[in-house]
Amino acid sequence: MITELRKKSQVTIPKELVVKLGLKEGDKLEVIEQNGAIQIVPVAVYPKKYLEDLKEEIGNIKARMRSGEQPMFDTVDELFAELDGNDR
């Protein structure tokens, strides 16, 4: 698909790509140059506090796994079987 560079260095992403990728106004896109080619990649942006909290929670889960407190499962089916057993 060909698009045109406009004033203020703007380009229009063809509508069929916008629809195919599920993009909407306000979505964040990263523009990358790699070996002379321009790539436009959709990205998710999260608040720093959210990422810090997530990192802390992952650290807590890893600590529980090391201590044996955190149950571990080889398959998703095993996880769901355990969860079904806890609901009864």
PDB file of N, CA and C in Angstrom:
ATOM      1  N   MET A   1       0.835  -1.175   0.000  1.00  0.00           N
ATOM      2  CA  MET A   1       0.000   0.000   0.000  1.00  0.00           C
ATOM      3  C   MET A   1       0.879   1.238   0.000  1.00  0.00           C
ATOM      4  N   ILE A   2       0.528   2.172  -0.769  1.00  0.00           N
ATOM      5  CA  ILE A   2       1.303   3.404  -0.867  1.00  0.00           C
ATOM      6  C   ILE A   2       0.537   4.523  -0.179  1.00  0.00           C
ATOM      7  N   THR A   3       1.270   5.283   0.610  1.00  0.00           N
ATOM      8  CA  THR A   3       0.704   6.472   1.249  1.00  0.00           C
ATOM      9  C   THR A   3       1.657   7.619   0.980  1.00  0.00           C
ATOM     10  N   GLU A   4       1.286   8.803   1.363  1.00  0.00           N
ATOM     11  CA  GLU A   4       2.051   9.997   1.010  1.00  0.00           C
ATOM     12  C   GLU A   4       2.461  10.738   2.270  1.00  0.00           C
ATOM     13  N   LEU A   5       3.692  11.208   2.280  1.00  0.00           N
ATOM     14  CA  LEU A   5       4.164  12.056   3.372  1.00  0.00           C
ATOM     15  C   LEU A   5       3.589  13.450   3.167  1.00  0.00           C
ATOM     16  N   ARG A   6       2.919  13.962   4.174  1.00  0.00           N
ATOM     17  CA  ARG A   6       2.235  15.261   4.074  1.00  0.00           C
ATOM     18  C   ARG A   6       2.946  16.305   4.922  1.00  0.00           C
ATOM     19  N   LYS A   7       2.347  17.501   4.951  1.00  0.00           N
ATOM     20  CA  LYS A   7       2.892  18.575   5.779  1.00  0.00           C
ATOM     21  C   LYS A   7       3.056  18.076   7.210  1.00  0.00           C
ATOM     22  N   LYS A   8       4.017  18.632   7.891  1.00  0.00           N
ATOM     23  CA  LYS A   8       4.304  18.280   9.289  1.00  0.00           C
ATOM     24  C   LYS A   8       4.673  16.811   9.431  1.00  0.00           C
ATOM     25  N   SER A   9       5.195  16.201   8.377  1.00  0.00           N
ATOM     26  CA  SER A   9       5.672  14.806   8.379  1.00  0.00           C
ATOM     27  C   SER A   9       4.577  13.803   8.708  1.00  0.00           C
ATOM     28  N   GLN A  10       3.343  14.082   8.347  1.00  0.00           N
ATOM     29  CA  GLN A  10       2.224  13.190   8.656  1.00  0.00           C
ATOM     30  C   GLN A  10       1.986  12.195   7.519  1.00  0.00           C
ATOM     31  N   VAL A  11       1.586  10.979   7.908  1.00  0.00           N
ATOM     32  CA  VAL A  11       1.163   9.963   6.940  1.00  0.00           C
ATOM     33  C   VAL A  11      -0.182   9.418   7.398  1.00  0.00           C
ATOM     34  N   THR A  12      -0.957   8.921   6.447  1.00  0.00           N
ATOM     35  CA  THR A  12      -2.244   8.309   6.766  1.00  0.00           C
ATOM     36  C   THR A  12      -2.084   6.803   6.647  1.00  0.00           C
ATOM     37  N   ILE A  13      -2.472   6.080   7.693  1.00  0.00           N
ATOM     38  CA  ILE A  13      -2.455   4.616   7.641  1.00  0.00           C
ATOM     39  C   ILE A  13      -3.717   4.186   6.904  1.00  0.00           C
ATOM     40  N   PRO A  14      -3.575   3.370   5.865  1.00  0.00           N
ATOM     41  CA  PRO A  14      -4.761   2.947   5.115  1.00  0.00           C
ATOM     42  C   PRO A  14      -5.821   2.327   6.028  1.00  0.00           C
ATOM     43  N   LYS A  15      -7.089   2.670   5.754  1.00  0.00           N
ATOM     44  CA  LYS A  15      -8.195   2.248   6.600  1.00  0.00           C
ATOM     45  C   LYS A  15      -8.256   0.732   6.768  1.00  0.00           C
ATOM     46  N   GLU A  16      -7.968  -0.022   5.704  1.00  0.00           N
ATOM     47  CA  GLU A  16      -8.050  -1.485   5.830  1.00  0.00           C
ATOM     48  C   GLU A  16      -7.044  -2.015   6.851  1.00  0.00           C
ATOM     49  N   LEU A  17      -5.887  -1.377   6.976  1.00  0.00           N
ATOM     50  CA  LEU A  17      -4.926  -1.788   8.009  1.00  0.00           C
ATOM     51  C   LEU A  17      -5.396  -1.378   9.393  1.00  0.00           C
ATOM     52  N   VAL A  18      -5.971  -0.199   9.497  1.00  0.00           N
ATOM     53  CA  VAL A  18      -6.506   0.268  10.785  1.00  0.00           C
ATOM     54  C   VAL A  18      -7.569  -0.707  11.280  1.00  0.00           C
ATOM     55  N   VAL A  19      -8.466  -1.114  10.376  1.00  0.00           N
ATOM     56  CA  VAL A  19      -9.534  -2.053  10.744  1.00  0.00           C
ATOM     57  C   VAL A  19      -8.945  -3.417  11.075  1.00  0.00           C
ATOM     58  N   LYS A  20      -8.058  -3.911  10.217  1.00  0.00           N
ATOM     59  CA  LYS A  20      -7.460  -5.243  10.415  1.00  0.00           C
ATOM     60  C   LYS A  20      -6.732  -5.340  11.760  1.00  0.00           C
ATOM     61  N   LEU A  21      -6.042  -4.267  12.155  1.00  0.00           N
ATOM     62  CA  LEU A  21      -5.271  -4.278  13.402  1.00  0.00           C
ATOM     63  C   LEU A  21      -6.084  -3.807  14.600  1.00  0.00           C
ATOM     64  N   GLY A  22      -7.321  -3.370  14.356  1.00  0.00           N
ATOM     65  CA  GLY A  22      -8.169  -2.928  15.460  1.00  0.00           C
ATOM     66  C   GLY A  22      -7.697  -1.634  16.094  1.00  0.00           C
ATOM     67  N   LEU A  23      -7.062  -0.781  15.303  1.00  0.00           N
ATOM     68  CA  LEU A  23      -6.574   0.485  15.837  1.00  0.00           C
ATOM     69  C   LEU A  23      -7.704   1.492  15.948  1.00  0.00           C
ATOM     70  N   LYS A  24      -7.521   2.420  16.891  1.00  0.00           N
ATOM     71  CA  LYS A  24      -8.527   3.487  17.038  1.00  0.00           C
ATOM     72  C   LYS A  24      -7.808   4.778  17.410  1.00  0.00           C
ATOM     73  N   GLU A  25      -8.510   5.875  17.246  1.00  0.00           N
ATOM     74  CA  GLU A  25      -7.936   7.176  17.556  1.00  0.00           C
ATOM     75  C   GLU A  25      -7.429   7.198  18.992  1.00  0.00           C
ATOM     76  N   GLY A  26      -6.229   7.706  19.175  1.00  0.00           N
ATOM     77  CA  GLY A  26      -5.627   7.787  20.503  1.00  0.00           C
ATOM     78  C   GLY A  26      -4.676   6.643  20.802  1.00  0.00           C
ATOM     79  N   ASP A  27      -4.701   5.561  20.000  1.00  0.00           N
ATOM     80  CA  ASP A  27      -3.755   4.467  20.212  1.00  0.00           C
ATOM     81  C   ASP A  27      -2.329   4.992  20.036  1.00  0.00           C
ATOM     82  N   LYS A  28      -1.413   4.414  20.779  1.00  0.00           N
ATOM     83  CA  LYS A  28      -0.010   4.812  20.695  1.00  0.00           C
ATOM     84  C   LYS A  28       0.699   3.907  19.682  1.00  0.00           C
ATOM     85  N   LEU A  29       1.559   4.530  18.867  1.00  0.00           N
ATOM     86  CA  LEU A  29       2.316   3.815  17.847  1.00  0.00           C
ATOM     87  C   LEU A  29       3.786   4.200  17.984  1.00  0.00           C
ATOM     88  N   GLU A  30       4.663   3.212  17.947  1.00  0.00           N
ATOM     89  CA  GLU A  30       6.094   3.485  17.974  1.00  0.00           C
ATOM     90  C   GLU A  30       6.602   3.474  16.542  1.00  0.00           C
ATOM     91  N   VAL A  31       7.400   4.467  16.200  1.00  0.00           N
ATOM     92  CA  VAL A  31       7.980   4.554  14.864  1.00  0.00           C
ATOM     93  C   VAL A  31       9.456   4.193  14.984  1.00  0.00           C
ATOM     94  N   ILE A  32       9.871   3.173  14.232  1.00  0.00           N
ATOM     95  CA  ILE A  32      11.224   2.632  14.322  1.00  0.00           C
ATOM     96  C   ILE A  32      11.863   2.661  12.940  1.00  0.00           C
ATOM     97  N   GLU A  33      13.134   3.056  12.885  1.00  0.00           N
ATOM     98  CA  GLU A  33      13.901   2.940  11.647  1.00  0.00           C
ATOM     99  C   GLU A  33      14.827   1.753  11.804  1.00  0.00           C
ATOM    100  N   GLN A  34      14.793   0.854  10.835  1.00  0.00           N
ATOM    101  CA  GLN A  34      15.664  -0.320  10.898  1.00  0.00           C
ATOM    102  C   GLN A  34      16.150  -0.650   9.495  1.00  0.00           C
ATOM    103  N   ASN A  35      17.437  -0.540   9.297  1.00  0.00           N
ATOM    104  CA  ASN A  35      18.059  -0.827   8.001  1.00  0.00           C
ATOM    105  C   ASN A  35      17.415  -0.038   6.869  1.00  0.00           C
ATOM    106  N   GLY A  36      17.115   1.230   7.123  1.00  0.00           N
ATOM    107  CA  GLY A  36      16.552   2.095   6.096  1.00  0.00           C
ATOM    108  C   GLY A  36      15.054   1.960   5.897  1.00  0.00           C
ATOM    109  N   ALA A  37      14.409   1.095   6.659  1.00  0.00           N
ATOM    110  CA  ALA A  37      12.956   0.924   6.555  1.00  0.00           C
ATOM    111  C   ALA A  37      12.293   1.526   7.786  1.00  0.00           C
ATOM    112  N   ILE A  38      11.120   2.090   7.593  1.00  0.00           N
ATOM    113  CA  ILE A  38      10.347   2.658   8.701  1.00  0.00           C
ATOM    114  C   ILE A  38       9.283   1.646   9.109  1.00  0.00           C
ATOM    115  N   GLN A  39       9.240   1.321  10.385  1.00  0.00           N
ATOM    116  CA  GLN A  39       8.219   0.424  10.933  1.00  0.00           C
ATOM    117  C   GLN A  39       7.353   1.215  11.899  1.00  0.00           C
ATOM    118  N   ILE A  40       6.051   0.986  11.842  1.00  0.00           N
ATOM    119  CA  ILE A  40       5.113   1.603  12.776  1.00  0.00           C
ATOM    120  C   ILE A  40       4.466   0.460  13.553  1.00  0.00           C
ATOM    121  N   VAL A  41       4.673   0.446  14.870  1.00  0.00           N
ATOM    122  CA  VAL A  41       4.254  -0.676  15.699  1.00  0.00           C
ATOM    123  C   VAL A  41       3.304  -0.190  16.790  1.00  0.00           C
ATOM    124  N   PRO A  42       2.096  -0.785  16.884  1.00  0.00           N
ATOM    125  CA  PRO A  42       1.205  -0.426  17.991  1.00  0.00           C
ATOM    126  C   PRO A  42       1.834  -0.829  19.330  1.00  0.00           C
ATOM    127  N   VAL A  43       1.698   0.018  20.327  1.00  0.00           N
ATOM    128  CA  VAL A  43       2.245  -0.277  21.649  1.00  0.00           C
ATOM    129  C   VAL A  43       1.203   0.012  22.727  1.00  0.00           C
ATOM    130  N   ALA A  44       1.375  -0.635  23.860  1.00  0.00           N
ATOM    131  CA  ALA A  44       0.546  -0.359  25.033  1.00  0.00           C
ATOM    132  C   ALA A  44       1.404   0.442  26.007  1.00  0.00           C
ATOM    133  N   VAL A  45       0.854   1.509  26.530  1.00  0.00           N
ATOM    134  CA  VAL A  45       1.570   2.359  27.473  1.00  0.00           C
ATOM    135  C   VAL A  45       0.865   2.251  28.820  1.00  0.00           C
ATOM    136  N   TYR A  46       1.650   1.907  29.846  1.00  0.00           N
ATOM    137  CA  TYR A  46       1.099   1.750  31.188  1.00  0.00           C
ATOM    138  C   TYR A  46       1.743   2.754  32.129  1.00  0.00           C
ATOM    139  N   PRO A  47       1.016   3.216  33.135  1.00  0.00           N
ATOM    140  CA  PRO A  47       1.608   4.122  34.126  1.00  0.00           C
ATOM    141  C   PRO A  47       2.750   3.434  34.870  1.00  0.00           C
ATOM    142  N   LYS A  48       3.770   4.195  35.205  1.00  0.00           N
ATOM    143  CA  LYS A  48       4.945   3.660  35.889  1.00  0.00           C
ATOM    144  C   LYS A  48       4.564   2.941  37.187  1.00  0.00           C
ATOM    145  N   LYS A  49       3.631   3.492  37.946  1.00  0.00           N
ATOM    146  CA  LYS A  49       3.204   2.886  39.217  1.00  0.00           C
ATOM    147  C   LYS A  49       2.620   1.495  38.976  1.00  0.00           C
ATOM    148  N   TYR A  50       1.827   1.341  37.916  1.00  0.00           N
ATOM    149  CA  TYR A  50       1.248   0.039  37.582  1.00  0.00           C
ATOM    150  C   TYR A  50       2.358  -0.977  37.318  1.00  0.00           C
ATOM    151  N   LEU A  51       3.366  -0.586  36.554  1.00  0.00           N
ATOM    152  CA  LEU A  51       4.466  -1.503  36.238  1.00  0.00           C
ATOM    153  C   LEU A  51       5.284  -1.842  37.478  1.00  0.00           C
ATOM    154  N   GLU A  52       5.493  -0.861  38.361  1.00  0.00           N
ATOM    155  CA  GLU A  52       6.207  -1.128  39.607  1.00  0.00           C
ATOM    156  C   GLU A  52       5.439  -2.124  40.475  1.00  0.00           C
ATOM    157  N   ASP A  53       4.119  -1.941  40.579  1.00  0.00           N
ATOM    158  CA  ASP A  53       3.285  -2.857  41.362  1.00  0.00           C
ATOM    159  C   ASP A  53       3.305  -4.258  40.765  1.00  0.00           C
ATOM    160  N   LEU A  54       3.244  -4.336  39.449  1.00  0.00           N
ATOM    161  CA  LEU A  54       3.275  -5.631  38.770  1.00  0.00           C
ATOM    162  C   LEU A  54       4.612  -6.340  39.006  1.00  0.00           C
ATOM    163  N   LYS A  55       5.703  -5.591  38.913  1.00  0.00           N
ATOM    164  CA  LYS A  55       7.031  -6.151  39.165  1.00  0.00           C
ATOM    165  C   LYS A  55       7.132  -6.681  40.603  1.00  0.00           C
ATOM    166  N   GLU A  56       6.592  -5.932  41.557  1.00  0.00           N
ATOM    167  CA  GLU A  56       6.606  -6.366  42.956  1.00  0.00           C
ATOM    168  C   GLU A  56       5.795  -7.655  43.134  1.00  0.00           C
ATOM    169  N   GLU A  57       4.617  -7.719  42.513  1.00  0.00           N
ATOM    170  CA  GLU A  57       3.770  -8.912  42.618  1.00  0.00           C
ATOM    171  C   GLU A  57       4.462 -10.128  42.009  1.00  0.00           C
ATOM    172  N   ILE A  58       5.121  -9.949  40.881  1.00  0.00           N
ATOM    173  CA  ILE A  58       5.859 -11.057  40.261  1.00  0.00           C
ATOM    174  C   ILE A  58       6.979 -11.525  41.185  1.00  0.00           C
ATOM    175  N   GLY A  59       7.673 -10.570  41.817  1.00  0.00           N
ATOM    176  CA  GLY A  59       8.716 -10.926  42.786  1.00  0.00           C
ATOM    177  C   GLY A  59       8.150 -11.718  43.954  1.00  0.00           C
ATOM    178  N   ASN A  60       6.969 -11.315  44.448  1.00  0.00           N
ATOM    179  CA  ASN A  60       6.318 -12.039  45.545  1.00  0.00           C
ATOM    180  C   ASN A  60       5.948 -13.461  45.125  1.00  0.00           C
ATOM    181  N   ILE A  61       5.425 -13.607  43.917  1.00  0.00           N
ATOM    182  CA  ILE A  61       5.043 -14.937  43.424  1.00  0.00           C
ATOM    183  C   ILE A  61       6.278 -15.817  43.279  1.00  0.00           C
ATOM    184  N   LYS A  62       7.371 -15.264  42.754  1.00  0.00           N
ATOM    185  CA  LYS A  62       8.609 -16.046  42.616  1.00  0.00           C
ATOM    186  C   LYS A  62       9.108 -16.506  43.982  1.00  0.00           C
ATOM    187  N   ALA A  63       9.024 -15.620  44.986  1.00  0.00           N
ATOM    188  CA  ALA A  63       9.461 -15.990  46.338  1.00  0.00           C
ATOM    189  C   ALA A  63       8.587 -17.118  46.884  1.00  0.00           C
ATOM    190  N   ARG A  64       7.257 -17.035  46.662  1.00  0.00           N
ATOM    191  CA  ARG A  64       6.359 -18.100  47.127  1.00  0.00           C
ATOM    192  C   ARG A  64       6.628 -19.413  46.390  1.00  0.00           C
ATOM    193  N   MET A  65       6.994 -19.327  45.116  1.00  0.00           N
ATOM    194  CA  MET A  65       7.320 -20.534  44.356  1.00  0.00           C
ATOM    195  C   MET A  65       8.575 -21.201  44.933  1.00  0.00           C
ATOM    196  N   ARG A  66       9.602 -20.379  45.240  1.00  0.00           N
ATOM    197  CA  ARG A  66      10.844 -20.924  45.805  1.00  0.00           C
ATOM    198  C   ARG A  66      10.595 -21.586  47.157  1.00  0.00           C
ATOM    199  N   SER A  67       9.691 -21.005  47.940  1.00  0.00           N
ATOM    200  CA  SER A  67       9.435 -21.540  49.282  1.00  0.00           C
ATOM    201  C   SER A  67       8.438 -22.700  49.265  1.00  0.00           C
ATOM    202  N   GLY A  68       7.823 -22.944  48.111  1.00  0.00           N
ATOM    203  CA  GLY A  68       6.846 -24.021  48.008  1.00  0.00           C
ATOM    204  C   GLY A  68       5.441 -23.608  48.386  1.00  0.00           C
ATOM    205  N   GLU A  69       5.224 -22.343  48.736  1.00  0.00           N
ATOM    206  CA  GLU A  69       3.895 -21.853  49.114  1.00  0.00           C
ATOM    207  C   GLU A  69       2.983 -21.657  47.909  1.00  0.00           C
ATOM    208  N   GLN A  70       3.566 -21.357  46.756  1.00  0.00           N
ATOM    209  CA  GLN A  70       2.784 -21.080  45.545  1.00  0.00           C
ATOM    210  C   GLN A  70       2.586 -22.378  44.769  1.00  0.00           C
ATOM    211  N   PRO A  71       1.333 -22.833  44.602  1.00  0.00           N
ATOM    212  CA  PRO A  71       1.126 -24.041  43.811  1.00  0.00           C
ATOM    213  C   PRO A  71       1.554 -23.814  42.363  1.00  0.00           C
ATOM    214  N   MET A  72       2.103 -24.874  41.772  1.00  0.00           N
ATOM    215  CA  MET A  72       2.529 -24.810  40.376  1.00  0.00           C
ATOM    216  C   MET A  72       1.857 -25.943  39.614  1.00  0.00           C
ATOM    217  N   PHE A  73       1.550 -25.682  38.360  1.00  0.00           N
ATOM    218  CA  PHE A  73       0.819 -26.637  37.539  1.00  0.00           C
ATOM    219  C   PHE A  73       1.546 -26.835  36.219  1.00  0.00           C
ATOM    220  N   ASP A  74       1.513 -28.073  35.718  1.00  0.00           N
ATOM    221  CA  ASP A  74       2.154 -28.370  34.440  1.00  0.00           C
ATOM    222  C   ASP A  74       1.269 -28.005  33.259  1.00  0.00           C
ATOM    223  N   THR A  75      -0.029 -27.956  33.475  1.00  0.00           N
ATOM    224  CA  THR A  75      -0.952 -27.639  32.388  1.00  0.00           C
ATOM    225  C   THR A  75      -2.049 -26.705  32.900  1.00  0.00           C
ATOM    226  N   VAL A  76      -2.702 -26.052  31.974  1.00  0.00           N
ATOM    227  CA  VAL A  76      -3.834 -25.199  32.318  1.00  0.00           C
ATOM    228  C   VAL A  76      -4.969 -26.059  32.870  1.00  0.00           C
ATOM    229  N   ASP A  77      -5.122 -27.272  32.331  1.00  0.00           N
ATOM    230  CA  ASP A  77      -6.170 -28.172  32.831  1.00  0.00           C
ATOM    231  C   ASP A  77      -5.971 -28.485  34.313  1.00  0.00           C
ATOM    232  N   GLU A  78      -4.719 -28.688  34.726  1.00  0.00           N
ATOM    233  CA  GLU A  78      -4.444 -28.935  36.146  1.00  0.00           C
ATOM    234  C   GLU A  78      -4.823 -27.719  36.994  1.00  0.00           C
ATOM    235  N   LEU A  79      -4.518 -26.547  36.494  1.00  0.00           N
ATOM    236  CA  LEU A  79      -4.876 -25.321  37.206  1.00  0.00           C
ATOM    237  C   LEU A  79      -6.385 -25.228  37.385  1.00  0.00           C
ATOM    238  N   PHE A  80      -7.130 -25.445  36.285  1.00  0.00           N
ATOM    239  CA  PHE A  80      -8.588 -25.348  36.373  1.00  0.00           C
ATOM    240  C   PHE A  80      -9.169 -26.432  37.264  1.00  0.00           C
ATOM    241  N   ALA A  81      -8.581 -27.623  37.260  1.00  0.00           N
ATOM    242  CA  ALA A  81      -9.058 -28.690  38.141  1.00  0.00           C
ATOM    243  C   ALA A  81      -8.887 -28.270  39.592  1.00  0.00           C
ATOM    244  N   GLU A  82      -7.761 -27.648  39.910  1.00  0.00           N
ATOM    245  CA  GLU A  82      -7.522 -27.164  41.265  1.00  0.00           C
ATOM    246  C   GLU A  82      -8.505 -26.051  41.623  1.00  0.00           C
ATOM    247  N   LEU A  83      -8.739 -25.124  40.701  1.00  0.00           N
ATOM    248  CA  LEU A  83      -9.673 -24.043  40.964  1.00  0.00           C
ATOM    249  C   LEU A  83     -11.089 -24.561  41.137  1.00  0.00           C
ATOM    250  N   ASP A  84     -11.493 -25.532  40.325  1.00  0.00           N
ATOM    251  CA  ASP A  84     -12.833 -26.134  40.470  1.00  0.00           C
ATOM    252  C   ASP A  84     -12.964 -26.816  41.821  1.00  0.00           C
ATOM    253  N   GLY A  85     -11.913 -27.452  42.288  1.00  0.00           N
ATOM    254  CA  GLY A  85     -11.942 -28.130  43.574  1.00  0.00           C
ATOM    255  C   GLY A  85     -12.053 -27.155  44.732  1.00  0.00           C
ATOM    256  N   ASN A  86     -11.486 -25.951  44.556  1.00  0.00           N
ATOM    257  CA  ASN A  86     -11.534 -24.945  45.624  1.00  0.00           C
ATOM    258  C   ASN A  86     -12.894 -24.286  45.726  1.00  0.00           C
ATOM    259  N   ASP A  87     -13.707 -24.333  44.644  1.00  0.00           N
ATOM    260  CA  ASP A  87     -15.012 -23.700  44.667  1.00  0.00           C
ATOM    261  C   ASP A  87     -16.054 -24.564  45.366  1.00  0.00           C
ATOM    262  N   ARG A  88     -15.760 -25.809  45.563  1.00  0.00           N
ATOM    263  CA  ARG A  88     -16.754 -26.730  46.117  1.00  0.00           C
ATOM    264  C   ARG A  88     -16.648 -26.842  47.598  1.00  0.00           C
TER     265      ARG A  88
END
